[in-house]
Amino acid sequence: NLVRTPLAALGRQTDETVHLAMQEGQDIVY
């Protein structure tokens, strides 16, 4: 929720799919 606005702006600017992921153990979670 905190970064939703800048990520949406990045998506509009680049017209590409944007992911935010976090590390959990040996994995990332989208």
PDB file of all heavy atoms in Angstrom:
ATOM      1  N   ASN A   1       0.813  -1.207   0.000  1.00  0.00           N
ATOM      2  CA  ASN A   1       0.000   0.000   0.000  1.00  0.00           C
ATOM      3  C   ASN A   1       0.847   1.257   0.000  1.00  0.00           C
ATOM      4  O   ASN A   1       0.502   2.254  -0.640  1.00  0.00           O
ATOM      5  CB  ASN A   1      -0.939   0.009   1.211  1.00  0.00           C
ATOM      6  CG  ASN A   1      -2.145  -0.884   1.003  1.00  0.00           C
ATOM      7  OD1 ASN A   1      -2.636  -1.036  -0.116  1.00  0.00           O
ATOM      8  ND2 ASN A   1      -2.616  -1.510   2.068  1.00  0.00           N
ATOM      9  N   LEU A   2       1.977   1.224   0.711  1.00  0.00           N
ATOM     10  CA  LEU A   2       2.823   2.406   0.798  1.00  0.00           C
ATOM     11  C   LEU A   2       3.392   2.816  -0.554  1.00  0.00           C
ATOM     12  O   LEU A   2       3.542   4.003  -0.834  1.00  0.00           O
ATOM     13  CB  LEU A   2       3.975   2.145   1.779  1.00  0.00           C
ATOM     14  CG  LEU A   2       3.633   2.210   3.267  1.00  0.00           C
ATOM     15  CD1 LEU A   2       4.816   1.725   4.092  1.00  0.00           C
ATOM     16  CD2 LEU A   2       3.263   3.630   3.673  1.00  0.00           C
ATOM     17  N   VAL A   3       3.726   1.821  -1.389  1.00  0.00           N
ATOM     18  CA  VAL A   3       4.410   2.150  -2.653  1.00  0.00           C
ATOM     19  C   VAL A   3       3.491   2.001  -3.865  1.00  0.00           C
ATOM     20  O   VAL A   3       3.954   2.060  -5.004  1.00  0.00           O
ATOM     21  CB  VAL A   3       5.668   1.268  -2.828  1.00  0.00           C
ATOM     22  CG1 VAL A   3       6.590   1.416  -1.636  1.00  0.00           C
ATOM     23  CG2 VAL A   3       5.297  -0.203  -3.003  1.00  0.00           C
ATOM     24  N   ARG A   4       2.213   1.817  -3.632  1.00  0.00           N
ATOM     25  CA  ARG A   4       1.276   1.613  -4.741  1.00  0.00           C
ATOM     26  C   ARG A   4       1.313   2.765  -5.755  1.00  0.00           C
ATOM     27  O   ARG A   4       1.326   2.549  -6.972  1.00  0.00           O
ATOM     28  CB  ARG A   4      -0.136   1.450  -4.188  1.00  0.00           C
ATOM     29  CG  ARG A   4      -1.168   1.017  -5.230  1.00  0.00           C
ATOM     30  CD  ARG A   4      -2.543   0.894  -4.584  1.00  0.00           C
ATOM     31  NE  ARG A   4      -2.525  -0.061  -3.482  1.00  0.00           N
ATOM     32  CZ  ARG A   4      -2.699  -1.365  -3.643  1.00  0.00           C
ATOM     33  NH1 ARG A   4      -2.900  -1.854  -4.854  1.00  0.00           N
ATOM     34  NH2 ARG A   4      -2.685  -2.176  -2.604  1.00  0.00           N
ATOM     35  N   THR A   5       1.347   3.997  -5.261  1.00  0.00           N
ATOM     36  CA  THR A   5       1.303   5.156  -6.155  1.00  0.00           C
ATOM     37  C   THR A   5       2.532   5.243  -7.055  1.00  0.00           C
ATOM     38  O   THR A   5       2.395   5.366  -8.279  1.00  0.00           O
ATOM     39  CB  THR A   5       1.123   6.453  -5.349  1.00  0.00           C
ATOM     40  OG1 THR A   5      -0.130   6.402  -4.651  1.00  0.00           O
ATOM     41  CG2 THR A   5       1.131   7.674  -6.270  1.00  0.00           C
ATOM     42  N   PRO A   6       3.772   5.192  -6.508  1.00  0.00           N
ATOM     43  CA  PRO A   6       4.935   5.246  -7.408  1.00  0.00           C
ATOM     44  C   PRO A   6       5.045   4.051  -8.346  1.00  0.00           C
ATOM     45  O   PRO A   6       5.514   4.193  -9.480  1.00  0.00           O
ATOM     46  CB  PRO A   6       6.131   5.330  -6.450  1.00  0.00           C
ATOM     47  CG  PRO A   6       5.616   4.901  -5.127  1.00  0.00           C
ATOM     48  CD  PRO A   6       4.185   5.270  -5.094  1.00  0.00           C
ATOM     49  N   LEU A   7       4.577   2.872  -7.917  1.00  0.00           N
ATOM     50  CA  LEU A   7       4.631   1.712  -8.805  1.00  0.00           C
ATOM     51  C   LEU A   7       3.635   1.856  -9.950  1.00  0.00           C
ATOM     52  O   LEU A   7       3.926   1.484 -11.094  1.00  0.00           O
ATOM     53  CB  LEU A   7       4.369   0.427  -8.025  1.00  0.00           C
ATOM     54  CG  LEU A   7       5.415   0.007  -7.010  1.00  0.00           C
ATOM     55  CD1 LEU A   7       5.102  -1.383  -6.463  1.00  0.00           C
ATOM     56  CD2 LEU A   7       6.814   0.029  -7.611  1.00  0.00           C
ATOM     57  N   ALA A   8       2.474   2.402  -9.657  1.00  0.00           N
ATOM     58  CA  ALA A   8       1.488   2.637 -10.714  1.00  0.00           C
ATOM     59  C   ALA A   8       2.028   3.661 -11.708  1.00  0.00           C
ATOM     60  O   ALA A   8       1.855   3.523 -12.927  1.00  0.00           O
ATOM     61  CB  ALA A   8       0.176   3.120 -10.111  1.00  0.00           C
ATOM     62  N   ALA A   9       2.711   4.684 -11.192  1.00  0.00           N
ATOM     63  CA  ALA A   9       3.300   5.699 -12.067  1.00  0.00           C
ATOM     64  C   ALA A   9       4.391   5.094 -12.949  1.00  0.00           C
ATOM     65  O   ALA A   9       4.504   5.423 -14.138  1.00  0.00           O
ATOM     66  CB  ALA A   9       3.870   6.838 -11.230  1.00  0.00           C
ATOM     67  N   LEU A  10       5.182   4.185 -12.372  1.00  0.00           N
ATOM     68  CA  LEU A  10       6.229   3.511 -13.146  1.00  0.00           C
ATOM     69  C   LEU A  10       5.607   2.670 -14.254  1.00  0.00           C
ATOM     70  O   LEU A  10       6.117   2.636 -15.381  1.00  0.00           O
ATOM     71  CB  LEU A  10       7.074   2.641 -12.220  1.00  0.00           C
ATOM     72  CG  LEU A  10       8.192   1.821 -12.871  1.00  0.00           C
ATOM     73  CD1 LEU A  10       9.219   2.736 -13.515  1.00  0.00           C
ATOM     74  CD2 LEU A  10       8.867   0.913 -11.840  1.00  0.00           C
ATOM     75  N   GLY A  11       4.516   1.993 -13.952  1.00  0.00           N
ATOM     76  CA  GLY A  11       3.830   1.185 -14.963  1.00  0.00           C
ATOM     77  C   GLY A  11       3.314   2.033 -16.104  1.00  0.00           C
ATOM     78  O   GLY A  11       3.436   1.667 -17.281  1.00  0.00           O
ATOM     79  N   ARG A  12       2.732   3.200 -15.756  1.00  0.00           N
ATOM     80  CA  ARG A  12       2.216   4.087 -16.814  1.00  0.00           C
ATOM     81  C   ARG A  12       3.354   4.661 -17.655  1.00  0.00           C
ATOM     82  O   ARG A  12       3.239   4.786 -18.871  1.00  0.00           O
ATOM     83  CB  ARG A  12       1.413   5.229 -16.187  1.00  0.00           C
ATOM     84  CG  ARG A  12       0.076   4.799 -15.575  1.00  0.00           C
ATOM     85  CD  ARG A  12      -0.781   6.004 -15.248  1.00  0.00           C
ATOM     86  NE  ARG A  12      -0.137   6.893 -14.281  1.00  0.00           N
ATOM     87  CZ  ARG A  12      -0.268   6.780 -12.965  1.00  0.00           C
ATOM     88  NH1 ARG A  12      -1.004   5.804 -12.447  1.00  0.00           N
ATOM     89  NH2 ARG A  12       0.335   7.635 -12.149  1.00  0.00           N
ATOM     90  N   GLN A  13       4.453   4.989 -16.992  1.00  0.00           N
ATOM     91  CA  GLN A  13       5.577   5.597 -17.696  1.00  0.00           C
ATOM     92  C   GLN A  13       6.237   4.627 -18.673  1.00  0.00           C
ATOM     93  O   GLN A  13       6.627   5.013 -19.777  1.00  0.00           O
ATOM     94  CB  GLN A  13       6.612   6.100 -16.685  1.00  0.00           C
ATOM     95  CG  GLN A  13       7.828   6.777 -17.316  1.00  0.00           C
ATOM     96  CD  GLN A  13       8.849   7.215 -16.274  1.00  0.00           C
ATOM     97  OE1 GLN A  13       8.668   6.998 -15.066  1.00  0.00           O
ATOM     98  NE2 GLN A  13       9.929   7.832 -16.731  1.00  0.00           N
ATOM     99  N   THR A  14       6.369   3.370 -18.266  1.00  0.00           N
ATOM    100  CA  THR A  14       7.094   2.394 -19.084  1.00  0.00           C
ATOM    101  C   THR A  14       6.186   1.514 -19.928  1.00  0.00           C
ATOM    102  O   THR A  14       6.648   0.891 -20.882  1.00  0.00           O
ATOM    103  CB  THR A  14       7.945   1.493 -18.177  1.00  0.00           C
ATOM    104  OG1 THR A  14       7.082   0.759 -17.293  1.00  0.00           O
ATOM    105  CG2 THR A  14       8.937   2.321 -17.370  1.00  0.00           C
ATOM    106  N   ASP A  15       4.916   1.417 -19.540  1.00  0.00           N
ATOM    107  CA  ASP A  15       3.959   0.534 -20.200  1.00  0.00           C
ATOM    108  C   ASP A  15       4.409  -0.924 -20.133  1.00  0.00           C
ATOM    109  O   ASP A  15       4.178  -1.702 -21.050  1.00  0.00           O
ATOM    110  CB  ASP A  15       3.739   0.955 -21.659  1.00  0.00           C
ATOM    111  CG  ASP A  15       2.420   0.418 -22.210  1.00  0.00           C
ATOM    112  OD1 ASP A  15       1.499   0.171 -21.407  1.00  0.00           O
ATOM    113  OD2 ASP A  15       2.318   0.226 -23.436  1.00  0.00           O
ATOM    114  N   GLU A  16       5.072  -1.270 -19.022  1.00  0.00           N
ATOM    115  CA  GLU A  16       5.507  -2.641 -18.786  1.00  0.00           C
ATOM    116  C   GLU A  16       4.931  -3.134 -17.454  1.00  0.00           C
ATOM    117  O   GLU A  16       4.504  -2.337 -16.617  1.00  0.00           O
ATOM    118  CB  GLU A  16       7.035  -2.745 -18.754  1.00  0.00           C
ATOM    119  CG  GLU A  16       7.752  -2.249 -19.994  1.00  0.00           C
ATOM    120  CD  GLU A  16       7.473  -3.076 -21.254  1.00  0.00           C
ATOM    121  OE1 GLU A  16       6.701  -4.051 -21.167  1.00  0.00           O
ATOM    122  OE2 GLU A  16       8.039  -2.737 -22.309  1.00  0.00           O
ATOM    123  N   THR A  17       4.936  -4.450 -17.261  1.00  0.00           N
ATOM    124  CA  THR A  17       4.425  -5.034 -16.025  1.00  0.00           C
ATOM    125  C   THR A  17       5.400  -4.771 -14.873  1.00  0.00           C
ATOM    126  O   THR A  17       6.602  -5.000 -14.999  1.00  0.00           O
ATOM    127  CB  THR A  17       4.215  -6.547 -16.188  1.00  0.00           C
ATOM    128  OG1 THR A  17       3.235  -6.772 -17.192  1.00  0.00           O
ATOM    129  CG2 THR A  17       3.742  -7.172 -14.882  1.00  0.00           C
ATOM    130  N   VAL A  18       4.864  -4.294 -13.760  1.00  0.00           N
ATOM    131  CA  VAL A  18       5.664  -3.968 -12.580  1.00  0.00           C
ATOM    132  C   VAL A  18       5.352  -4.972 -11.473  1.00  0.00           C
ATOM    133  O   VAL A  18       4.193  -5.276 -11.210  1.00  0.00           O
ATOM    134  CB  VAL A  18       5.354  -2.544 -12.070  1.00  0.00           C
ATOM    135  CG1 VAL A  18       6.227  -2.206 -10.860  1.00  0.00           C
ATOM    136  CG2 VAL A  18       5.540  -1.524 -13.179  1.00  0.00           C
ATOM    137  N   HIS A  19       6.398  -5.490 -10.838  1.00  0.00           N
ATOM    138  CA  HIS A  19       6.236  -6.375  -9.684  1.00  0.00           C
ATOM    139  C   HIS A  19       6.916  -5.774  -8.460  1.00  0.00           C
ATOM    140  O   HIS A  19       7.988  -5.162  -8.590  1.00  0.00           O
ATOM    141  CB  HIS A  19       6.872  -7.745  -9.934  1.00  0.00           C
ATOM    142  CG  HIS A  19       6.163  -8.591 -10.932  1.00  0.00           C
ATOM    143  ND1 HIS A  19       6.632  -8.766 -12.222  1.00  0.00           N
ATOM    144  CD2 HIS A  19       5.025  -9.315 -10.847  1.00  0.00           C
ATOM    145  CE1 HIS A  19       5.807  -9.568 -12.882  1.00  0.00           C
ATOM    146  NE2 HIS A  19       4.825  -9.919 -12.074  1.00  0.00           N
ATOM    147  N   LEU A  20       6.298  -5.968  -7.312  1.00  0.00           N
ATOM    148  CA  LEU A  20       6.944  -5.706  -6.028  1.00  0.00           C
ATOM    149  C   LEU A  20       7.045  -7.046  -5.325  1.00  0.00           C
ATOM    150  O   LEU A  20       6.044  -7.769  -5.208  1.00  0.00           O
ATOM    151  CB  LEU A  20       6.120  -4.733  -5.184  1.00  0.00           C
ATOM    152  CG  LEU A  20       6.571  -4.566  -3.715  1.00  0.00           C
ATOM    153  CD1 LEU A  20       7.943  -3.915  -3.629  1.00  0.00           C
ATOM    154  CD2 LEU A  20       5.546  -3.743  -2.935  1.00  0.00           C
ATOM    155  N   ALA A  21       8.246  -7.410  -4.896  1.00  0.00           N
ATOM    156  CA  ALA A  21       8.457  -8.704  -4.242  1.00  0.00           C
ATOM    157  C   ALA A  21       9.180  -8.513  -2.927  1.00  0.00           C
ATOM    158  O   ALA A  21       9.946  -7.550  -2.756  1.00  0.00           O
ATOM    159  CB  ALA A  21       9.265  -9.630  -5.150  1.00  0.00           C
ATOM    160  N   MET A  22       8.938  -9.425  -2.005  1.00  0.00           N
ATOM    161  CA  MET A  22       9.649  -9.401  -0.741  1.00  0.00           C
ATOM    162  C   MET A  22      10.323 -10.748  -0.502  1.00  0.00           C
ATOM    163  O   MET A  22       9.872 -11.788  -0.990  1.00  0.00           O
ATOM    164  CB  MET A  22       8.700  -9.089   0.422  1.00  0.00           C
ATOM    165  CG  MET A  22       7.685 -10.173   0.744  1.00  0.00           C
ATOM    166  SD  MET A  22       6.731  -9.810   2.251  1.00  0.00           S
ATOM    167  CE  MET A  22       8.009 -10.080   3.498  1.00  0.00           C
ATOM    168  N   GLN A  23      11.438 -10.705   0.224  1.00  0.00           N
ATOM    169  CA  GLN A  23      12.177 -11.926   0.555  1.00  0.00           C
ATOM    170  C   GLN A  23      11.550 -12.604   1.752  1.00  0.00           C
ATOM    171  O   GLN A  23      11.166 -11.961   2.730  1.00  0.00           O
ATOM    172  CB  GLN A  23      13.635 -11.572   0.842  1.00  0.00           C
ATOM    173  CG  GLN A  23      14.454 -12.712   1.430  1.00  0.00           C
ATOM    174  CD  GLN A  23      14.580 -12.607   2.940  1.00  0.00           C
ATOM    175  OE1 GLN A  23      14.556 -11.512   3.500  1.00  0.00           O
ATOM    176  NE2 GLN A  23      14.737 -13.749   3.592  1.00  0.00           N
ATOM    177  N   GLU A  24      11.429 -13.911   1.651  1.00  0.00           N
ATOM    178  CA  GLU A  24      10.938 -14.714   2.770  1.00  0.00           C
ATOM    179  C   GLU A  24      11.691 -16.029   2.745  1.00  0.00           C
ATOM    180  O   GLU A  24      11.446 -16.876   1.889  1.00  0.00           O
ATOM    181  CB  GLU A  24       9.434 -14.939   2.655  1.00  0.00           C
ATOM    182  CG  GLU A  24       8.797 -15.501   3.912  1.00  0.00           C
ATOM    183  CD  GLU A  24       7.275 -15.507   3.837  1.00  0.00           C
ATOM    184  OE1 GLU A  24       6.664 -14.494   4.208  1.00  0.00           O
ATOM    185  OE2 GLU A  24       6.718 -16.524   3.380  1.00  0.00           O
ATOM    186  N   GLY A  25      12.636 -16.189   3.658  1.00  0.00           N
ATOM    187  CA  GLY A  25      13.467 -17.385   3.637  1.00  0.00           C
ATOM    188  C   GLY A  25      14.357 -17.409   2.406  1.00  0.00           C
ATOM    189  O   GLY A  25      15.034 -16.438   2.091  1.00  0.00           O
ATOM    190  N   GLN A  26      14.319 -18.511   1.677  1.00  0.00           N
ATOM    191  CA  GLN A  26      15.118 -18.645   0.444  1.00  0.00           C
ATOM    192  C   GLN A  26      14.336 -18.216  -0.797  1.00  0.00           C
ATOM    193  O   GLN A  26      14.811 -18.387  -1.916  1.00  0.00           O
ATOM    194  CB  GLN A  26      15.578 -20.093   0.252  1.00  0.00           C
ATOM    195  CG  GLN A  26      16.711 -20.523   1.150  1.00  0.00           C
ATOM    196  CD  GLN A  26      16.299 -20.644   2.598  1.00  0.00           C
ATOM    197  OE1 GLN A  26      16.745 -19.864   3.436  1.00  0.00           O
ATOM    198  NE2 GLN A  26      15.434 -21.600   2.894  1.00  0.00           N
ATOM    199  N   ASP A  27      13.153 -17.665  -0.585  1.00  0.00           N
ATOM    200  CA  ASP A  27      12.272 -17.327  -1.699  1.00  0.00           C
ATOM    201  C   ASP A  27      11.968 -15.839  -1.762  1.00  0.00           C
ATOM    202  O   ASP A  27      12.237 -15.074  -0.835  1.00  0.00           O
ATOM    203  CB  ASP A  27      10.933 -18.066  -1.563  1.00  0.00           C
ATOM    204  CG  ASP A  27      11.087 -19.574  -1.585  1.00  0.00           C
ATOM    205  OD1 ASP A  27      12.061 -20.056  -2.189  1.00  0.00           O
ATOM    206  OD2 ASP A  27      10.232 -20.259  -0.996  1.00  0.00           O
ATOM    207  N   ILE A  28      11.364 -15.455  -2.883  1.00  0.00           N
ATOM    208  CA  ILE A  28      10.703 -14.156  -2.977  1.00  0.00           C
ATOM    209  C   ILE A  28       9.210 -14.442  -3.095  1.00  0.00           C
ATOM    210  O   ILE A  28       8.805 -15.507  -3.587  1.00  0.00           O
ATOM    211  CB  ILE A  28      11.188 -13.299  -4.168  1.00  0.00           C
ATOM    212  CG1 ILE A  28      10.963 -14.021  -5.509  1.00  0.00           C
ATOM    213  CG2 ILE A  28      12.629 -12.893  -3.981  1.00  0.00           C
ATOM    214  CD1 ILE A  28       9.686 -13.687  -6.218  1.00  0.00           C
ATOM    215  N   VAL A  29       8.411 -13.510  -2.614  1.00  0.00           N
ATOM    216  CA  VAL A  29       6.960 -13.604  -2.724  1.00  0.00           C
ATOM    217  C   VAL A  29       6.476 -12.332  -3.408  1.00  0.00           C
ATOM    218  O   VAL A  29       6.826 -11.221  -2.994  1.00  0.00           O
ATOM    219  CB  VAL A  29       6.288 -13.738  -1.342  1.00  0.00           C
ATOM    220  CG1 VAL A  29       4.771 -13.845  -1.501  1.00  0.00           C
ATOM    221  CG2 VAL A  29       6.830 -14.940  -0.592  1.00  0.00           C
ATOM    222  N   TYR A  30       5.689 -12.489  -4.472  1.00  0.00           N
ATOM    223  CA  TYR A  30       5.128 -11.315  -5.138  1.00  0.00           C
ATOM    224  C   TYR A  30       4.003 -10.750  -4.278  1.00  0.00           C
ATOM    225  O   TYR A  30       3.060 -11.463  -3.926  1.00  0.00           O
ATOM    226  CB  TYR A  30       4.579 -11.695  -6.518  1.00  0.00           C
ATOM    227  CG  TYR A  30       5.634 -12.141  -7.499  1.00  0.00           C
ATOM    228  CD1 TYR A  30       5.709 -13.473  -7.926  1.00  0.00           C
ATOM    229  CD2 TYR A  30       6.566 -11.247  -7.999  1.00  0.00           C
ATOM    230  CE1 TYR A  30       6.682 -13.890  -8.825  1.00  0.00           C
ATOM    231  CE2 TYR A  30       7.540 -11.660  -8.898  1.00  0.00           C
ATOM    232  CZ  TYR A  30       7.589 -12.976  -9.304  1.00  0.00           C
ATOM    233  OH  TYR A  30       8.550 -13.381 -10.187  1.00  0.00           O
TER     234      TYR A  30
END
